[in-house]
Amino acid sequence: MKPALREQILTILAEIPAGRVTTYGRIAAMTEGGTPRLVARALRDLPAGHDLPWFRVITASRRLADHGGADEQRQRLVAEGVIFDALGRVPAEHLWP
């Protein structure tokens, strides 16, 4: 991944406000040449100890992606006031931007 694209992704990630979520695709659309898969890769490659809100990024279906950190992600989102419906989706009003 080009460093400029990675920087765009991480800058957008840092802007997601507490209590809100966005999707891999929405972040990709805000970049120059990004794709949802590249956004996921950038998040997967974050260094240990970072303070970026990776947990505020969800799938286009407004669900958590199936990954090893999904339980922690859900806990962090709930702590910020994000709710999930009976199907595990985040209501659209929590989407940013």
Foldseek 3Di string as FASTA:
>chain_A
DDPVQLVQLQVVQQPQDQLAAEELQVSQVSGDPRHSVVSVVSLVPDDPPDDGLSLRYDHPQQAHDPDPCRVVSVVRNVVSVFDADPVRHTDPVRYDD
